[in-house]
Amino acid sequence: MAVIIQPNQRGSRTFILISAASALAILAIGAYYLFFTPAPLIEAILPANLQSVADLSGLKFNPEEILQDEFFSSETPRRSVDLPVIGPNSLGKENPFAAL
């Protein structure tokens, strides 16, 4: 007659219970933050001086004033890059389905 010694199953049940309890806790915390906490409003995100749409509509933009500004006029112009002229024959076949 053979004697079979099995490990104690109590530890695996404890692990399953702790895992299930932690998963339920994570789901409960996620549901609480998703459904019951107040959402941040746009007024709380914007700076204090731009909280109103009326303030934004009152802003004036004058491109002439910006282009004539001393800071922008003191900049040296960047060197332009000359790209080679590409003809229609250098781009590939006119009809890509035509035979070679």
PDB file of N, CA and C in Angstrom:
ATOM      1  N   MET A   1       0.839  -1.159   0.000  1.00  0.00           N
ATOM      2  CA  MET A   1       0.000   0.000   0.000  1.00  0.00           C
ATOM      3  C   MET A   1       0.899   1.242   0.000  1.00  0.00           C
ATOM      4  N   ALA A   2       0.600   2.203  -0.898  1.00  0.00           N
ATOM      5  CA  ALA A   2       1.415   3.412  -1.035  1.00  0.00           C
ATOM      6  C   ALA A   2       0.800   4.546  -0.234  1.00  0.00           C
ATOM      7  N   VAL A   3       1.663   5.363   0.296  1.00  0.00           N
ATOM      8  CA  VAL A   3       1.214   6.538   1.053  1.00  0.00           C
ATOM      9  C   VAL A   3       1.433   7.764   0.173  1.00  0.00           C
ATOM     10  N   ILE A   4       0.374   8.507  -0.083  1.00  0.00           N
ATOM     11  CA  ILE A   4       0.455   9.716  -0.909  1.00  0.00           C
ATOM     12  C   ILE A   4       0.341  10.920   0.014  1.00  0.00           C
ATOM     13  N   ILE A   5       1.364  11.748  -0.027  1.00  0.00           N
ATOM     14  CA  ILE A   5       1.367  12.967   0.808  1.00  0.00           C
ATOM     15  C   ILE A   5       1.098  14.144  -0.111  1.00  0.00           C
ATOM     16  N   GLN A   6       0.003  14.842   0.138  1.00  0.00           N
ATOM     17  CA  GLN A   6      -0.352  16.008  -0.656  1.00  0.00           C
ATOM     18  C   GLN A   6      -0.055  17.267   0.146  1.00  0.00           C
ATOM     19  N   PRO A   7       0.364  18.326  -0.546  1.00  0.00           N
ATOM     20  CA  PRO A   7       0.603  19.576   0.179  1.00  0.00           C
ATOM     21  C   PRO A   7      -0.708  20.161   0.689  1.00  0.00           C
ATOM     22  N   ASN A   8      -0.595  20.938   1.706  1.00  0.00           N
ATOM     23  CA  ASN A   8      -1.765  21.561   2.313  1.00  0.00           C
ATOM     24  C   ASN A   8      -2.401  22.535   1.321  1.00  0.00           C
ATOM     25  N   GLN A   9      -3.659  22.365   1.042  1.00  0.00           N
ATOM     26  CA  GLN A   9      -4.378  23.222   0.105  1.00  0.00           C
ATOM     27  C   GLN A   9      -4.828  24.534   0.740  1.00  0.00           C
ATOM     28  N   ARG A  10      -4.617  24.716   1.985  1.00  0.00           N
ATOM     29  CA  ARG A  10      -5.078  25.911   2.702  1.00  0.00           C
ATOM     30  C   ARG A  10      -4.398  27.174   2.173  1.00  0.00           C
ATOM     31  N   GLY A  11      -3.123  27.085   1.823  1.00  0.00           N
ATOM     32  CA  GLY A  11      -2.381  28.246   1.331  1.00  0.00           C
ATOM     33  C   GLY A  11      -2.905  28.738  -0.002  1.00  0.00           C
ATOM     34  N   SER A  12      -3.264  27.849  -0.895  1.00  0.00           N
ATOM     35  CA  SER A  12      -3.758  28.271  -2.197  1.00  0.00           C
ATOM     36  C   SER A  12      -5.140  28.907  -2.083  1.00  0.00           C
ATOM     37  N   ARG A  13      -5.960  28.427  -1.172  1.00  0.00           N
ATOM     38  CA  ARG A  13      -7.273  29.056  -0.951  1.00  0.00           C
ATOM     39  C   ARG A  13      -7.095  30.457  -0.387  1.00  0.00           C
ATOM     40  N   THR A  14      -6.145  30.628   0.484  1.00  0.00           N
ATOM     41  CA  THR A  14      -5.885  31.956   1.051  1.00  0.00           C
ATOM     42  C   THR A  14      -5.425  32.911  -0.041  1.00  0.00           C
ATOM     43  N   PHE A  15      -4.564  32.431  -0.912  1.00  0.00           N
ATOM     44  CA  PHE A  15      -4.083  33.266  -2.014  1.00  0.00           C
ATOM     45  C   PHE A  15      -5.227  33.662  -2.939  1.00  0.00           C
ATOM     46  N   ILE A  16      -6.108  32.725  -3.234  1.00  0.00           N
ATOM     47  CA  ILE A  16      -7.264  33.021  -4.099  1.00  0.00           C
ATOM     48  C   ILE A  16      -8.171  34.041  -3.436  1.00  0.00           C
ATOM     49  N   LEU A  17      -8.431  33.893  -2.141  1.00  0.00           N
ATOM     50  CA  LEU A  17      -9.288  34.849  -1.432  1.00  0.00           C
ATOM     51  C   LEU A  17      -8.664  36.237  -1.389  1.00  0.00           C
ATOM     52  N   ILE A  18      -7.365  36.314  -1.131  1.00  0.00           N
ATOM     53  CA  ILE A  18      -6.693  37.620  -1.095  1.00  0.00           C
ATOM     54  C   ILE A  18      -6.682  38.252  -2.481  1.00  0.00           C
ATOM     55  N   SER A  19      -6.451  37.477  -3.520  1.00  0.00           N
ATOM     56  CA  SER A  19      -6.462  38.000  -4.890  1.00  0.00           C
ATOM     57  C   SER A  19      -7.846  38.504  -5.276  1.00  0.00           C
ATOM     58  N   ALA A  20      -8.887  37.744  -4.947  1.00  0.00           N
ATOM     59  CA  ALA A  20     -10.249  38.165  -5.275  1.00  0.00           C
ATOM     60  C   ALA A  20     -10.631  39.419  -4.503  1.00  0.00           C
ATOM     61  N   ALA A  21     -10.244  39.485  -3.232  1.00  0.00           N
ATOM     62  CA  ALA A  21     -10.564  40.667  -2.426  1.00  0.00           C
ATOM     63  C   ALA A  21      -9.841  41.903  -2.952  1.00  0.00           C
ATOM     64  N   SER A  22      -8.582  41.751  -3.362  1.00  0.00           N
ATOM     65  CA  SER A  22      -7.851  42.910  -3.891  1.00  0.00           C
ATOM     66  C   SER A  22      -8.411  43.340  -5.245  1.00  0.00           C
ATOM     67  N   ALA A  23      -8.841  42.384  -6.075  1.00  0.00           N
ATOM     68  CA  ALA A  23      -9.447  42.741  -7.358  1.00  0.00           C
ATOM     69  C   ALA A  23     -10.763  43.480  -7.145  1.00  0.00           C
ATOM     70  N   LEU A  24     -11.567  43.021  -6.210  1.00  0.00           N
ATOM     71  CA  LEU A  24     -12.821  43.719  -5.911  1.00  0.00           C
ATOM     72  C   LEU A  24     -12.555  45.105  -5.338  1.00  0.00           C
ATOM     73  N   ALA A  25     -11.535  45.239  -4.511  1.00  0.00           N
ATOM     74  CA  ALA A  25     -11.197  46.544  -3.947  1.00  0.00           C
ATOM     75  C   ALA A  25     -10.755  47.506  -5.042  1.00  0.00           C
ATOM     76  N   ILE A  26      -9.956  47.024  -5.984  1.00  0.00           N
ATOM     77  CA  ILE A  26      -9.515  47.875  -7.087  1.00  0.00           C
ATOM     78  C   ILE A  26     -10.700  48.295  -7.949  1.00  0.00           C
ATOM     79  N   LEU A  27     -11.606  47.381  -8.229  1.00  0.00           N
ATOM     80  CA  LEU A  27     -12.804  47.727  -9.001  1.00  0.00           C
ATOM     81  C   LEU A  27     -13.686  48.721  -8.265  1.00  0.00           C
ATOM     82  N   ALA A  28     -13.826  48.547  -6.949  1.00  0.00           N
ATOM     83  CA  ALA A  28     -14.659  49.460  -6.168  1.00  0.00           C
ATOM     84  C   ALA A  28     -14.050  50.859  -6.132  1.00  0.00           C
ATOM     85  N   ILE A  29     -12.740  50.947  -5.970  1.00  0.00           N
ATOM     86  CA  ILE A  29     -12.080  52.258  -5.954  1.00  0.00           C
ATOM     87  C   ILE A  29     -12.188  52.923  -7.324  1.00  0.00           C
ATOM     88  N   GLY A  30     -12.000  52.157  -8.380  1.00  0.00           N
ATOM     89  CA  GLY A  30     -12.141  52.706  -9.726  1.00  0.00           C
ATOM     90  C   GLY A  30     -13.551  53.189 -10.007  1.00  0.00           C
ATOM     91  N   ALA A  31     -14.553  52.421  -9.585  1.00  0.00           N
ATOM     92  CA  ALA A  31     -15.948  52.843  -9.785  1.00  0.00           C
ATOM     93  C   ALA A  31     -16.257  54.096  -8.982  1.00  0.00           C
ATOM     94  N   TYR A  32     -15.697  54.193  -7.782  1.00  0.00           N
ATOM     95  CA  TYR A  32     -15.935  55.389  -6.965  1.00  0.00           C
ATOM     96  C   TYR A  32     -15.371  56.630  -7.658  1.00  0.00           C
ATOM     97  N   TYR A  33     -14.128  56.553  -8.122  1.00  0.00           N
ATOM     98  CA  TYR A  33     -13.521  57.709  -8.782  1.00  0.00           C
ATOM     99  C   TYR A  33     -14.165  58.007 -10.121  1.00  0.00           C
ATOM    100  N   LEU A  34     -14.693  57.008 -10.791  1.00  0.00           N
ATOM    101  CA  LEU A  34     -15.330  57.224 -12.087  1.00  0.00           C
ATOM    102  C   LEU A  34     -16.711  57.845 -11.955  1.00  0.00           C
ATOM    103  N   PHE A  35     -17.495  57.384 -10.965  1.00  0.00           N
ATOM    104  CA  PHE A  35     -18.893  57.801 -10.893  1.00  0.00           C
ATOM    105  C   PHE A  35     -19.202  58.829  -9.799  1.00  0.00           C
ATOM    106  N   PHE A  36     -18.427  58.886  -8.743  1.00  0.00           N
ATOM    107  CA  PHE A  36     -18.840  59.697  -7.599  1.00  0.00           C
ATOM    108  C   PHE A  36     -17.966  60.911  -7.315  1.00  0.00           C
ATOM    109  N   THR A  37     -16.779  60.999  -7.861  1.00  0.00           N
ATOM    110  CA  THR A  37     -15.959  62.187  -7.616  1.00  0.00           C
ATOM    111  C   THR A  37     -16.328  63.263  -8.624  1.00  0.00           C
ATOM    112  N   PRO A  38     -16.284  64.516  -8.225  1.00  0.00           N
ATOM    113  CA  PRO A  38     -16.633  65.590  -9.166  1.00  0.00           C
ATOM    114  C   PRO A  38     -15.548  65.742 -10.232  1.00  0.00           C
ATOM    115  N   ALA A  39     -15.972  65.972 -11.454  1.00  0.00           N
ATOM    116  CA  ALA A  39     -15.036  66.150 -12.563  1.00  0.00           C
ATOM    117  C   ALA A  39     -14.475  67.565 -12.515  1.00  0.00           C
ATOM    118  N   PRO A  40     -13.202  67.745 -12.845  1.00  0.00           N
ATOM    119  CA  PRO A  40     -12.654  69.102 -12.854  1.00  0.00           C
ATOM    120  C   PRO A  40     -13.294  69.908 -13.975  1.00  0.00           C
ATOM    121  N   LEU A  41     -13.663  71.108 -13.674  1.00  0.00           N
ATOM    122  CA  LEU A  41     -14.305  71.974 -14.655  1.00  0.00           C
ATOM    123  C   LEU A  41     -13.256  72.756 -15.419  1.00  0.00           C
ATOM    124  N   ILE A  42     -13.655  73.296 -16.556  1.00  0.00           N
ATOM    125  CA  ILE A  42     -12.716  74.032 -17.395  1.00  0.00           C
ATOM    126  C   ILE A  42     -12.246  75.299 -16.687  1.00  0.00           C
ATOM    127  N   GLU A  43     -13.055  75.863 -15.828  1.00  0.00           N
ATOM    128  CA  GLU A  43     -12.655  77.074 -15.110  1.00  0.00           C
ATOM    129  C   GLU A  43     -11.499  76.786 -14.168  1.00  0.00           C
ATOM    130  N   ALA A  44     -11.435  75.571 -13.671  1.00  0.00           N
ATOM    131  CA  ALA A  44     -10.355  75.231 -12.752  1.00  0.00           C
ATOM    132  C   ALA A  44      -9.057  74.966 -13.509  1.00  0.00           C
ATOM    133  N   ILE A  45      -9.125  74.640 -14.773  1.00  0.00           N
ATOM    134  CA  ILE A  45      -7.933  74.325 -15.546  1.00  0.00           C
ATOM    135  C   ILE A  45      -7.317  75.584 -16.146  1.00  0.00           C
ATOM    136  N   LEU A  46      -8.142  76.501 -16.626  1.00  0.00           N
ATOM    137  CA  LEU A  46      -7.638  77.718 -17.248  1.00  0.00           C
ATOM    138  C   LEU A  46      -7.053  78.673 -16.212  1.00  0.00           C
ATOM    139  N   PRO A  47      -6.113  79.499 -16.604  1.00  0.00           N
ATOM    140  CA  PRO A  47      -5.605  80.518 -15.685  1.00  0.00           C
ATOM    141  C   PRO A  47      -6.699  81.523 -15.326  1.00  0.00           C
ATOM    142  N   ALA A  48      -6.482  82.236 -14.266  1.00  0.00           N
ATOM    143  CA  ALA A  48      -7.506  83.150 -13.755  1.00  0.00           C
ATOM    144  C   ALA A  48      -7.829  84.264 -14.745  1.00  0.00           C
ATOM    145  N   ASN A  49      -6.856  84.725 -15.529  1.00  0.00           N
ATOM    146  CA  ASN A  49      -7.124  85.835 -16.444  1.00  0.00           C
ATOM    147  C   ASN A  49      -7.790  85.385 -17.750  1.00  0.00           C
ATOM    148  N   LEU A  50      -7.933  84.086 -17.991  1.00  0.00           N
ATOM    149  CA  LEU A  50      -8.594  83.602 -19.204  1.00  0.00           C
ATOM    150  C   LEU A  50      -9.798  82.724 -18.893  1.00  0.00           C
ATOM    151  N   GLN A  51     -10.472  82.978 -17.800  1.00  0.00           N
ATOM    152  CA  GLN A  51     -11.579  82.108 -17.412  1.00  0.00           C
ATOM    153  C   GLN A  51     -12.859  82.390 -18.179  1.00  0.00           C
ATOM    154  N   SER A  52     -12.959  83.493 -18.819  1.00  0.00           N
ATOM    155  CA  SER A  52     -14.203  83.842 -19.490  1.00  0.00           C
ATOM    156  C   SER A  52     -13.996  83.866 -21.001  1.00  0.00           C
ATOM    157  N   VAL A  53     -14.990  83.430 -21.725  1.00  0.00           N
ATOM    158  CA  VAL A  53     -14.935  83.477 -23.176  1.00  0.00           C
ATOM    159  C   VAL A  53     -14.992  84.925 -23.650  1.00  0.00           C
ATOM    160  N   ALA A  54     -15.674  85.769 -22.903  1.00  0.00           N
ATOM    161  CA  ALA A  54     -15.738  87.187 -23.256  1.00  0.00           C
ATOM    162  C   ALA A  54     -14.347  87.808 -23.216  1.00  0.00           C
ATOM    163  N   ASP A  55     -13.510  87.365 -22.278  1.00  0.00           N
ATOM    164  CA  ASP A  55     -12.144  87.871 -22.228  1.00  0.00           C
ATOM    165  C   ASP A  55     -11.366  87.462 -23.483  1.00  0.00           C
ATOM    166  N   LEU A  56     -11.597  86.254 -23.952  1.00  0.00           N
ATOM    167  CA  LEU A  56     -10.903  85.797 -25.151  1.00  0.00           C
ATOM    168  C   LEU A  56     -11.363  86.536 -26.395  1.00  0.00           C
ATOM    169  N   SER A  57     -12.655  86.843 -26.471  1.00  0.00           N
ATOM    170  CA  SER A  57     -13.143  87.548 -27.646  1.00  0.00           C
ATOM    171  C   SER A  57     -12.690  88.999 -27.654  1.00  0.00           C
ATOM    172  N   GLY A  58     -12.293  89.528 -26.519  1.00  0.00           N
ATOM    173  CA  GLY A  58     -11.827  90.903 -26.451  1.00  0.00           C
ATOM    174  C   GLY A  58     -10.373  91.082 -26.834  1.00  0.00           C
ATOM    175  N   LEU A  59      -9.640  89.986 -27.013  1.00  0.00           N
ATOM    176  CA  LEU A  59      -8.236  90.093 -27.390  1.00  0.00           C
ATOM    177  C   LEU A  59      -8.112  90.563 -28.830  1.00  0.00           C
ATOM    178  N   LYS A  60      -7.164  91.451 -29.075  1.00  0.00           N
ATOM    179  CA  LYS A  60      -6.926  91.983 -30.421  1.00  0.00           C
ATOM    180  C   LYS A  60      -5.609  91.424 -30.948  1.00  0.00           C
ATOM    181  N   PHE A  61      -5.595  91.000 -32.183  1.00  0.00           N
ATOM    182  CA  PHE A  61      -4.403  90.473 -32.819  1.00  0.00           C
ATOM    183  C   PHE A  61      -4.079  91.329 -34.022  1.00  0.00           C
ATOM    184  N   ASN A  62      -2.907  91.947 -33.994  1.00  0.00           N
ATOM    185  CA  ASN A  62      -2.477  92.804 -35.084  1.00  0.00           C
ATOM    186  C   ASN A  62      -1.160  92.252 -35.631  1.00  0.00           C
ATOM    187  N   PRO A  63      -1.178  91.558 -36.766  1.00  0.00           N
ATOM    188  CA  PRO A  63       0.059  90.978 -37.293  1.00  0.00           C
ATOM    189  C   PRO A  63       1.069  92.028 -37.730  1.00  0.00           C
ATOM    190  N   GLU A  64       0.608  93.182 -38.170  1.00  0.00           N
ATOM    191  CA  GLU A  64       1.530  94.247 -38.580  1.00  0.00           C
ATOM    192  C   GLU A  64       2.399  94.680 -37.405  1.00  0.00           C
ATOM    193  N   GLU A  65       1.796  94.793 -36.248  1.00  0.00           N
ATOM    194  CA  GLU A  65       2.530  95.207 -35.058  1.00  0.00           C
ATOM    195  C   GLU A  65       3.586  94.174 -34.675  1.00  0.00           C
ATOM    196  N   ILE A  66       3.251  92.907 -34.843  1.00  0.00           N
ATOM    197  CA  ILE A  66       4.200  91.851 -34.505  1.00  0.00           C
ATOM    198  C   ILE A  66       5.355  91.822 -35.503  1.00  0.00           C
ATOM    199  N   LEU A  67       5.062  91.967 -36.795  1.00  0.00           N
ATOM    200  CA  LEU A  67       6.113  91.919 -37.801  1.00  0.00           C
ATOM    201  C   LEU A  67       7.046  93.117 -37.734  1.00  0.00           C
ATOM    202  N   GLN A  68       6.562  94.258 -37.267  1.00  0.00           N
ATOM    203  CA  GLN A  68       7.393  95.452 -37.158  1.00  0.00           C
ATOM    204  C   GLN A  68       8.069  95.563 -35.797  1.00  0.00           C
ATOM    205  N   ASP A  69       7.886  94.581 -34.962  1.00  0.00           N
ATOM    206  CA  ASP A  69       8.496  94.603 -33.641  1.00  0.00           C
ATOM    207  C   ASP A  69      10.014  94.533 -33.764  1.00  0.00           C
ATOM    208  N   GLU A  70      10.713  95.182 -32.857  1.00  0.00           N
ATOM    209  CA  GLU A  70      12.171  95.250 -32.875  1.00  0.00           C
ATOM    210  C   GLU A  70      12.812  93.862 -32.745  1.00  0.00           C
ATOM    211  N   PHE A  71      12.220  93.016 -31.949  1.00  0.00           N
ATOM    212  CA  PHE A  71      12.765  91.673 -31.740  1.00  0.00           C
ATOM    213  C   PHE A  71      12.758  90.858 -33.024  1.00  0.00           C
ATOM    214  N   PHE A  72      11.655  90.899 -33.752  1.00  0.00           N
ATOM    215  CA  PHE A  72      11.546  90.105 -34.966  1.00  0.00           C
ATOM    216  C   PHE A  72      12.322  90.708 -36.121  1.00  0.00           C
ATOM    217  N   SER A  73      12.453  92.026 -36.169  1.00  0.00           N
ATOM    218  CA  SER A  73      13.197  92.645 -37.259  1.00  0.00           C
ATOM    219  C   SER A  73      14.704  92.508 -37.057  1.00  0.00           C
ATOM    220  N   SER A  74      15.177  92.261 -35.849  1.00  0.00           N
ATOM    221  CA  SER A  74      16.605  92.119 -35.594  1.00  0.00           C
ATOM    222  C   SER A  74      17.121  90.736 -35.957  1.00  0.00           C
ATOM    223  N   GLU A  75      16.240  89.799 -36.191  1.00  0.00           N
ATOM    224  CA  GLU A  75      16.651  88.449 -36.559  1.00  0.00           C
ATOM    225  C   GLU A  75      17.272  88.449 -37.951  1.00  0.00           C
ATOM    226  N   THR A  76      18.332  87.693 -38.118  1.00  0.00           N
ATOM    227  CA  THR A  76      18.937  87.566 -39.434  1.00  0.00           C
ATOM    228  C   THR A  76      18.144  86.545 -40.234  1.00  0.00           C
ATOM    229  N   PRO A  77      17.965  86.801 -41.512  1.00  0.00           N
ATOM    230  CA  PRO A  77      17.186  85.834 -42.302  1.00  0.00           C
ATOM    231  C   PRO A  77      17.943  84.525 -42.439  1.00  0.00           C
ATOM    232  N   ARG A  78      17.220  83.461 -42.419  1.00  0.00           N
ATOM    233  CA  ARG A  78      17.804  82.131 -42.555  1.00  0.00           C
ATOM    234  C   ARG A  78      18.185  81.888 -44.020  1.00  0.00           C
ATOM    235  N   ARG A  79      19.186  81.085 -44.216  1.00  0.00           N
ATOM    236  CA  ARG A  79      19.615  80.757 -45.568  1.00  0.00           C
ATOM    237  C   ARG A  79      18.612  79.774 -46.167  1.00  0.00           C
ATOM    238  N   SER A  80      18.199  80.036 -47.369  1.00  0.00           N
ATOM    239  CA  SER A  80      17.233  79.148 -47.997  1.00  0.00           C
ATOM    240  C   SER A  80      17.952  77.946 -48.602  1.00  0.00           C
ATOM    241  N   VAL A  81      17.250  76.870 -48.724  1.00  0.00           N
ATOM    242  CA  VAL A  81      17.791  75.644 -49.297  1.00  0.00           C
ATOM    243  C   VAL A  81      17.275  75.521 -50.712  1.00  0.00           C
ATOM    244  N   ASP A  82      18.196  75.362 -51.653  1.00  0.00           N
ATOM    245  CA  ASP A  82      17.807  75.197 -53.047  1.00  0.00           C
ATOM    246  C   ASP A  82      17.596  73.717 -53.327  1.00  0.00           C
ATOM    247  N   LEU A  83      16.372  73.360 -53.650  1.00  0.00           N
ATOM    248  CA  LEU A  83      16.050  71.977 -53.970  1.00  0.00           C
ATOM    249  C   LEU A  83      16.224  71.748 -55.462  1.00  0.00           C
ATOM    250  N   PRO A  84      16.676  70.596 -55.864  1.00  0.00           N
ATOM    251  CA  PRO A  84      16.844  70.335 -57.303  1.00  0.00           C
ATOM    252  C   PRO A  84      15.481  70.252 -57.986  1.00  0.00           C
ATOM    253  N   VAL A  85      15.472  70.686 -59.231  1.00  0.00           N
ATOM    254  CA  VAL A  85      14.243  70.625 -60.013  1.00  0.00           C
ATOM    255  C   VAL A  85      14.057  69.191 -60.482  1.00  0.00           C
ATOM    256  N   ILE A  86      12.890  68.650 -60.224  1.00  0.00           N
ATOM    257  CA  ILE A  86      12.608  67.261 -60.562  1.00  0.00           C
ATOM    258  C   ILE A  86      11.638  67.242 -61.729  1.00  0.00           C
ATOM    259  N   GLY A  87      12.049  66.596 -62.803  1.00  0.00           N
ATOM    260  CA  GLY A  87      11.201  66.496 -63.979  1.00  0.00           C
ATOM    261  C   GLY A  87      10.216  65.351 -63.848  1.00  0.00           C
ATOM    262  N   PRO A  88       9.287  65.260 -64.779  1.00  0.00           N
ATOM    263  CA  PRO A  88       8.283  64.192 -64.702  1.00  0.00           C
ATOM    264  C   PRO A  88       8.887  62.808 -64.921  1.00  0.00           C
ATOM    265  N   ASN A  89      10.004  62.693 -65.660  1.00  0.00           N
ATOM    266  CA  ASN A  89      10.608  61.387 -65.919  1.00  0.00           C
ATOM    267  C   ASN A  89      11.375  60.863 -64.719  1.00  0.00           C
ATOM    268  N   SER A  90      11.799  61.725 -63.828  1.00  0.00           N
ATOM    269  CA  SER A  90      12.599  61.272 -62.696  1.00  0.00           C
ATOM    270  C   SER A  90      11.734  60.776 -61.534  1.00  0.00           C
ATOM    271  N   LEU A  91      10.451  60.981 -61.603  1.00  0.00           N
ATOM    272  CA  LEU A  91       9.578  60.558 -60.511  1.00  0.00           C
ATOM    273  C   LEU A  91       9.092  59.120 -60.650  1.00  0.00           C
ATOM    274  N   GLY A  92       9.274  58.546 -61.804  1.00  0.00           N
ATOM    275  CA  GLY A  92       8.797  57.188 -62.018  1.00  0.00           C
ATOM    276  C   GLY A  92       8.014  57.099 -63.307  1.00  0.00           C
ATOM    277  N   LYS A  93       7.389  55.965 -63.518  1.00  0.00           N
ATOM    278  CA  LYS A  93       6.621  55.777 -64.739  1.00  0.00           C
ATOM    279  C   LYS A  93       5.329  56.578 -64.686  1.00  0.00           C
ATOM    280  N   GLU A  94       4.908  57.057 -65.836  1.00  0.00           N
ATOM    281  CA  GLU A  94       3.658  57.799 -65.905  1.00  0.00           C
ATOM    282  C   GLU A  94       2.481  56.885 -65.581  1.00  0.00           C
ATOM    283  N   ASN A  95       2.532  55.675 -66.092  1.00  0.00           N
ATOM    284  CA  ASN A  95       1.522  54.677 -65.815  1.00  0.00           C
ATOM    285  C   ASN A  95       2.192  53.551 -65.032  1.00  0.00           C
ATOM    286  N   PRO A  96       1.923  53.415 -63.741  1.00  0.00           N
ATOM    287  CA  PRO A  96       2.637  52.402 -62.962  1.00  0.00           C
ATOM    288  C   PRO A  96       2.266  50.967 -63.340  1.00  0.00           C
ATOM    289  N   PHE A  97       1.161  50.784 -64.069  1.00  0.00           N
ATOM    290  CA  PHE A  97       0.731  49.438 -64.449  1.00  0.00           C
ATOM    291  C   PHE A  97       1.230  49.046 -65.853  1.00  0.00           C
ATOM    292  N   ALA A  98       1.916  49.949 -66.524  1.00  0.00           N
ATOM    293  CA  ALA A  98       2.421  49.644 -67.857  1.00  0.00           C
ATOM    294  C   ALA A  98       3.614  48.702 -67.772  1.00  0.00           C
ATOM    295  N   ALA A  99       3.854  47.965 -68.829  1.00  0.00           N
ATOM    296  CA  ALA A  99       4.984  47.040 -68.864  1.00  0.00           C
ATOM    297  C   ALA A  99       6.275  47.830 -68.957  1.00  0.00           C
ATOM    298  N   LEU A 100       7.372  47.209 -68.554  1.00  0.00           N
ATOM    299  CA  LEU A 100       8.672  47.878 -68.615  1.00  0.00           C
ATOM    300  C   LEU A 100       9.081  48.040 -69.997  1.00  0.00           C
TER     301      LEU A 100
END
